[in-house]
């Protein structure tokens, strides 16, 4: 009885810690400091209050829960290699910085999720009547812990692929609009502004960030190169290289954009044909596991029933007796 209670307490503590870290990880890190907000509220009302009164006026979650969760996250980060953090930062950038999650927070979420799943499995072992051997239990525990550790990474990879696919799909139409705007007399920055205003997708958001960086003083070629690095597809790298080269050599921007648009459209058609050729191969697995057995059951059941009712069925049954 005592070991069961100990396992339950340990599982509850791990679960609470995981929930705290998940809440902190999913919070938008770009939110304002709540302490500064409270201080501004007191200043706007013209009231004078000490720092202790302002801090006590905050919710319990801001005073206790989130600081504890951040310390747990910092403790986990100490054991994370620096190269892994840099690689994760790069992958989060390719994914479009989802919800402003930092690399350290992402690693903390992975580790805590693995620990939570491991604690849950131990809890199941303690309250259940499993007849498994110790080796099987350890193997199942290792498998589930590994899944908990790698599932966030798989989700991040899926988000990167979706983002790159969306950008690749939108590029030909965006380049057509850029070409029309440039031929109508707008500059390249004005054409990107039109794309940013007309559309709401990953590519238009990337163009909007380029425009903001240019307004803050960054050179256009550097802002474009950074955009290509953030997206990470060869089509965007080729497009940026062509734009920079046309500026340096004085080539007509409209002509370069039209050529790039035609190339992107051909590339998109080739990718669509490739996916169409892969479809029959991908359909074999569901057909072999789901469709063919169902068809066999539907077609063979009447024949089997008729065989059992026939003379052959009587012979087989009598032979079995």
Protein backbone atom coordinates (compact mmCIF):
# COMPACT_ATOMS: atom_id res chain seq x y z
CA UNK A 1 0.00 0.00 0.00
CA UNK A 2 2.79 2.43 0.91
CA UNK A 3 4.65 2.08 -2.45
CA UNK A 4 1.40 2.76 -4.27
CA UNK A 5 0.86 5.99 -2.32
CA UNK A 6 4.45 7.05 -3.01
CA UNK A 7 4.01 6.45 -6.75
CA UNK A 8 0.75 8.41 -6.73
CA UNK A 9 2.40 11.38 -4.99
CA UNK A 10 5.37 11.34 -7.36
CA UNK A 11 3.06 11.17 -10.38
CA UNK A 12 0.96 14.07 -9.08
CA UNK A 13 4.06 16.23 -8.50
CA UNK A 14 5.41 15.47 -11.98
CA UNK A 15 2.03 16.18 -13.56
CA UNK A 16 1.71 19.53 -11.76
CA UNK A 17 5.21 20.54 -12.85
CA UNK A 18 4.47 19.57 -16.44
CA UNK A 19 1.25 21.57 -16.48
CA UNK A 20 3.08 24.62 -15.15
CA UNK A 21 5.78 24.38 -17.82
CA UNK A 22 3.25 23.82 -20.59
CA UNK A 23 1.29 26.90 -19.49
CA UNK A 24 4.43 29.02 -19.50
CA UNK A 25 5.54 27.59 -22.84
CA UNK A 26 2.21 28.30 -24.51
CA UNK A 27 1.96 31.80 -23.16
CA UNK A 28 2.91 34.54 -25.59
CA UNK A 29 6.35 35.73 -24.50
CA UNK A 30 5.70 39.05 -26.21
CA UNK A 31 3.09 40.05 -23.64
CA UNK A 32 3.82 43.03 -21.42
CA UNK A 33 5.21 42.57 -17.95
CA UNK A 34 2.24 42.33 -15.53
CA UNK A 35 4.19 44.19 -12.85
CA UNK A 36 4.76 47.08 -15.22
CA UNK A 37 1.08 47.07 -16.13
CA UNK A 38 0.06 47.29 -12.47
CA UNK A 39 2.55 50.11 -11.92
CA UNK A 40 1.13 52.00 -14.90
CA UNK A 41 -2.42 51.53 -13.57
CA UNK A 42 -1.49 52.98 -10.18
CA UNK A 43 0.32 55.88 -11.86
CA UNK A 44 -2.68 56.58 -14.13
CA UNK A 45 -5.01 56.76 -11.10
CA UNK A 46 -2.59 59.06 -9.32
CA UNK A 47 -2.20 56.70 -6.37
CA UNK A 48 1.06 56.04 -4.57
CA UNK A 49 1.82 52.48 -3.61
CA UNK A 50 4.87 50.55 -2.56
CA UNK A 51 6.41 47.84 -4.69
CA UNK A 52 5.15 45.21 -2.24
CA UNK A 53 1.54 46.41 -2.55
CA UNK A 54 1.77 46.42 -6.33
CA UNK A 55 3.18 42.90 -6.35
CA UNK A 56 0.52 41.60 -3.95
CA UNK A 57 -2.19 43.07 -6.18
CA UNK A 58 -1.21 40.66 -8.96
CA UNK A 59 -2.99 37.31 -9.37
CA UNK A 60 -1.62 34.25 -7.60
CA UNK A 61 -0.55 32.73 -10.89
CA UNK A 62 1.70 35.70 -11.67
CA UNK A 63 3.22 35.78 -8.19
CA UNK A 64 3.72 32.06 -7.53
CA UNK A 65 2.88 29.69 -10.38
CA UNK A 66 4.75 31.23 -13.27
CA UNK A 67 7.95 32.05 -11.34
CA UNK A 68 8.16 28.44 -10.13
CA UNK A 69 7.57 27.17 -13.66
CA UNK A 70 10.27 29.45 -15.07
CA UNK A 71 12.76 28.20 -12.49
CA UNK A 72 11.95 24.61 -13.41
CA UNK A 73 12.52 25.52 -17.04
CA UNK A 74 15.87 27.16 -16.25
CA UNK A 75 16.92 24.05 -14.34
CA UNK A 76 16.12 21.83 -17.33
CA UNK A 77 17.94 24.19 -19.71
CA UNK A 78 21.22 23.83 -17.79
CA UNK A 79 21.51 20.26 -19.02
CA UNK A 80 20.67 21.07 -22.66
CA UNK A 81 23.67 21.29 -25.04
CA UNK A 82 24.27 24.66 -26.69
CA UNK A 83 24.42 23.15 -30.17
CA UNK A 84 21.00 21.59 -29.63
CA UNK A 85 19.61 24.99 -28.59
CA UNK A 86 21.04 26.62 -31.72
CA UNK A 87 19.61 23.90 -33.96
CA UNK A 88 16.23 24.24 -32.26
CA UNK A 89 16.35 28.03 -32.69
CA UNK A 90 16.96 27.54 -36.40
CA UNK A 91 14.07 25.07 -36.72
CA UNK A 92 11.72 27.35 -34.78
CA UNK A 93 12.68 30.14 -37.16
CA UNK A 94 11.86 27.90 -40.13
CA UNK A 95 8.50 27.13 -38.50
CA UNK A 96 7.70 30.84 -38.22
CA UNK A 97 8.32 31.18 -34.46
CA UNK A 98 5.05 29.52 -33.36
CA UNK A 99 3.54 31.36 -30.36
CA UNK A 100 6.90 32.98 -29.64
CA UNK A 101 8.29 29.80 -28.04
CA UNK A 102 11.99 30.05 -27.28
CA UNK A 103 14.43 27.14 -27.85
CA UNK A 104 15.00 26.67 -24.13
CA UNK A 105 11.26 26.49 -23.48
CA UNK A 106 10.81 24.02 -26.32
CA UNK A 107 13.48 21.70 -24.88
CA UNK A 108 11.96 22.02 -21.43
CA UNK A 109 8.58 21.01 -22.82
CA UNK A 110 10.10 17.96 -24.54
CA UNK A 111 11.86 16.76 -21.39
CA UNK A 112 8.91 17.38 -19.11
CA UNK A 113 6.51 15.64 -21.50
CA UNK A 114 8.76 12.58 -21.52
CA UNK A 115 8.95 12.61 -17.71
CA UNK A 116 5.18 13.01 -17.40
CA UNK A 117 4.49 10.05 -19.67
CA UNK A 118 7.05 7.99 -17.78
CA UNK A 119 5.45 8.92 -14.47
CA UNK A 120 2.02 8.07 -15.83
CA UNK A 121 3.22 4.63 -16.97
CA UNK A 122 4.74 3.97 -13.53
CA UNK A 123 1.43 5.02 -11.98
CA UNK A 124 -0.41 2.55 -14.26
CA UNK A 125 2.02 -0.21 -13.27
CA UNK A 126 1.49 0.50 -9.58
CA UNK A 127 -2.33 0.44 -9.59
CA UNK A 128 -2.83 -2.20 -12.29
CA UNK A 129 -2.55 -5.96 -12.14
CA UNK A 130 -0.32 -6.42 -15.15
CA UNK A 131 1.26 -9.82 -15.50
CA UNK A 132 4.11 -8.51 -17.62
CA UNK A 133 7.69 -9.31 -16.75
CA UNK A 134 10.04 -6.59 -15.53
CA UNK A 135 11.81 -6.55 -18.90
CA UNK A 136 8.56 -5.95 -20.79
CA UNK A 137 7.56 -3.19 -18.38
CA UNK A 138 10.91 -1.42 -18.79
CA UNK A 139 10.73 -1.79 -22.57
CA UNK A 140 7.20 -0.33 -22.72
CA UNK A 141 8.26 2.50 -20.39
CA UNK A 142 11.25 3.33 -22.61
CA UNK A 143 9.08 3.33 -25.74
CA UNK A 144 6.49 5.69 -24.28
CA UNK A 145 9.13 8.01 -22.80
CA UNK A 146 10.82 8.16 -26.20
CA UNK A 147 7.52 8.98 -27.85
CA UNK A 148 6.89 11.76 -25.34
CA UNK A 149 10.32 13.21 -26.02
CA UNK A 150 10.12 13.12 -29.83
CA UNK A 151 6.45 14.01 -30.41
CA UNK A 152 7.04 17.81 -30.03
CA UNK A 153 9.96 17.52 -32.45
CA UNK A 154 7.78 15.69 -34.96
CA UNK A 155 5.09 18.35 -34.61
CA UNK A 156 7.68 21.07 -35.23
CA UNK A 157 8.93 19.23 -38.33
CA UNK A 158 5.37 18.96 -39.61
CA UNK A 159 4.83 22.69 -39.08
CA UNK A 160 8.03 23.51 -40.98
CA UNK A 161 6.94 21.35 -43.91
CA UNK A 162 3.46 22.90 -43.98
CA UNK A 163 4.91 26.41 -43.93
CA UNK A 164 7.39 25.70 -46.71
CA UNK A 165 4.68 24.02 -48.78
CA UNK A 166 2.39 27.04 -48.35
CA UNK A 167 5.17 29.43 -49.40
CA UNK A 168 6.09 27.27 -52.41
CA UNK A 169 2.45 27.14 -53.48
CA UNK A 170 1.93 30.91 -53.17
CA UNK A 171 5.15 32.03 -54.87
CA UNK A 172 4.03 31.92 -58.57
CA UNK A 173 0.90 34.01 -57.91
CA UNK A 174 2.85 36.41 -55.71
CA UNK A 175 5.49 36.87 -58.39
CA UNK A 176 2.76 37.54 -60.96
CA UNK A 177 1.39 40.30 -58.74
CA UNK A 178 4.89 41.68 -58.20
CA UNK A 179 5.45 41.72 -61.96
CA UNK A 180 2.18 43.54 -62.62
CA UNK A 181 2.93 46.15 -59.96
CA UNK A 182 6.48 46.75 -61.21
CA UNK A 183 5.31 47.04 -64.82
CA UNK A 184 2.67 49.52 -63.67
CA UNK A 185 5.40 51.81 -62.33
CA UNK A 186 5.78 50.83 -58.68
CA UNK A 187 9.14 50.11 -57.14
CA UNK A 188 10.00 46.70 -55.81
CA UNK A 189 9.29 47.78 -52.22
CA UNK A 190 5.90 49.14 -53.26
CA UNK A 191 5.12 45.90 -55.07
CA UNK A 192 5.96 43.88 -51.94
CA UNK A 193 3.71 46.23 -49.97
CA UNK A 194 0.84 45.44 -52.34
CA UNK A 195 1.37 41.70 -51.86
CA UNK A 196 1.46 42.20 -48.10
CA UNK A 197 -1.81 44.18 -48.19
CA UNK A 198 -3.70 41.88 -50.58
CA UNK A 199 -2.88 38.49 -49.08
CA UNK A 200 -2.72 36.92 -45.66
CA UNK A 201 -0.40 33.93 -45.86
CA UNK A 202 3.13 32.98 -44.88
CA UNK A 203 4.71 34.57 -47.95
CA UNK A 204 2.93 37.91 -47.52
CA UNK A 205 3.89 37.96 -43.83
CA UNK A 206 7.51 37.38 -44.84
CA UNK A 207 7.31 40.29 -47.29
CA UNK A 208 5.84 42.46 -44.54
CA UNK A 209 8.74 41.63 -42.24
CA UNK A 210 11.21 42.52 -45.01
CA UNK A 211 9.51 45.90 -45.44
CA UNK A 212 9.68 46.61 -41.70
CA UNK A 213 13.36 45.70 -41.60
CA UNK A 214 14.05 48.02 -44.56
CA UNK A 215 12.19 50.83 -42.80
CA UNK A 216 14.38 50.27 -39.73
CA UNK A 217 17.53 50.78 -41.80
CA UNK A 218 18.55 47.35 -43.02
CA UNK A 219 19.73 47.06 -46.61
CA UNK A 220 17.24 45.50 -48.99
CA UNK A 221 19.59 42.72 -50.09
CA UNK A 222 20.33 41.79 -46.48
CA UNK A 223 16.64 41.77 -45.58
CA UNK A 224 15.86 39.58 -48.60
CA UNK A 225 18.67 37.16 -47.76
CA UNK A 226 17.39 36.90 -44.19
CA UNK A 227 13.90 36.16 -45.53
CA UNK A 228 15.28 33.36 -47.70
CA UNK A 229 17.11 31.90 -44.68
CA UNK A 230 13.95 32.05 -42.55
CA UNK A 231 11.92 30.17 -45.18
CA UNK A 232 14.61 27.70 -46.20
CA UNK A 233 13.44 26.53 -49.65
CA UNK A 234 15.58 26.59 -52.83
CA UNK A 235 12.92 28.49 -54.81
CA UNK A 236 13.05 31.46 -52.44
CA UNK A 237 16.85 31.43 -52.40
CA UNK A 238 16.91 31.49 -56.22
CA UNK A 239 14.35 34.29 -56.31
CA UNK A 240 16.30 36.46 -53.85
CA UNK A 241 19.56 35.85 -55.71
CA UNK A 242 17.94 36.91 -58.98
CA UNK A 243 16.53 40.10 -57.45
CA UNK A 244 19.86 41.08 -55.89
CA UNK A 245 21.71 40.34 -59.13
CA UNK A 246 19.26 42.42 -61.17
CA UNK A 247 19.82 45.38 -58.84
CA UNK A 248 23.59 45.07 -59.05
CA UNK A 249 23.68 44.66 -62.86
CA UNK A 250 20.90 47.09 -63.71
CA UNK A 251 18.71 44.49 -65.42
CA UNK A 252 14.99 45.20 -65.84
CA UNK A 253 13.23 44.14 -62.64
CA UNK A 254 9.97 43.34 -64.46
CA UNK A 255 11.74 40.99 -66.87
CA UNK A 256 13.51 39.17 -64.03
CA UNK A 257 10.26 38.81 -62.10
CA UNK A 258 8.44 37.43 -65.13
CA UNK A 259 11.15 34.84 -65.74
CA UNK A 260 11.12 33.85 -62.06
CA UNK A 261 7.33 33.57 -62.11
CA UNK A 262 7.40 31.23 -65.12
CA UNK A 263 10.07 29.08 -63.48
CA UNK A 264 8.14 28.89 -60.20
CA UNK A 265 4.97 27.88 -62.04
CA UNK A 266 6.82 25.12 -63.89
CA UNK A 267 8.34 23.96 -60.59
CA UNK A 268 4.93 23.88 -58.92
CA UNK A 269 3.51 21.85 -61.81
CA UNK A 270 6.39 19.38 -61.57
CA UNK A 271 5.81 18.98 -57.83
CA UNK A 272 2.10 18.36 -58.43
CA UNK A 273 2.94 15.69 -61.03
CA UNK A 274 5.41 14.08 -58.62
CA UNK A 275 2.78 13.92 -55.89
CA UNK A 276 0.30 12.45 -58.40
CA UNK A 277 2.78 9.71 -59.31
CA UNK A 278 3.31 8.91 -55.62
CA UNK A 279 -0.42 8.56 -54.97
CA UNK A 280 -0.82 4.95 -56.28
CA UNK A 281 2.07 3.76 -54.13
CA UNK A 282 0.68 5.47 -51.03
CA UNK A 283 -2.75 3.97 -51.71
CA UNK A 284 -1.45 0.39 -51.59
CA UNK A 285 -1.19 0.28 -47.79
CA UNK A 286 -4.81 1.29 -46.98
CA UNK A 287 -6.04 -0.84 -49.87
CA UNK A 288 -4.14 -3.92 -48.68
CA UNK A 289 -5.04 -3.49 -45.00
CA UNK A 290 -8.59 -2.11 -45.19
CA UNK A 291 -10.26 -2.30 -48.59
CA UNK A 292 -9.19 -5.71 -49.88
CA UNK A 293 -10.09 -7.61 -46.64
CA UNK A 294 -13.51 -5.95 -46.60
CA UNK A 295 -14.14 -6.88 -50.24
CA UNK A 296 -13.05 -10.47 -49.57
CA UNK A 297 -15.41 -10.72 -46.61
CA UNK A 298 -18.33 -9.34 -48.61
CA UNK A 299 -17.69 -11.58 -51.62
CA UNK A 300 -16.65 -14.78 -49.86
CA UNK A 301 -19.20 -14.90 -47.00
CA UNK A 302 -22.19 -16.00 -49.17
CA UNK A 303 -20.05 -18.65 -50.87
CA UNK A 304 -18.81 -19.99 -47.53
CA UNK A 305 -22.35 -20.11 -46.11
CA UNK A 306 -23.60 -21.97 -49.19
CA UNK A 307 -20.72 -24.43 -48.89
CA UNK A 308 -21.57 -25.16 -45.24
CA UNK A 309 -25.21 -25.81 -46.18
CA UNK A 310 -24.28 -28.11 -49.06
CA UNK A 311 -23.31 -31.76 -49.02
CA UNK A 312 -19.65 -30.79 -48.82
CA UNK A 313 -20.31 -28.94 -45.59
CA UNK A 314 -22.01 -32.00 -44.08
CA UNK A 315 -19.11 -34.21 -45.10
CA UNK A 316 -16.61 -31.81 -43.54
CA UNK A 317 -18.56 -31.55 -40.29
CA UNK A 318 -19.04 -35.31 -40.02
CA UNK A 319 -15.38 -35.86 -40.79
CA UNK A 320 -14.50 -33.43 -37.99
CA UNK A 321 -16.71 -35.32 -35.55
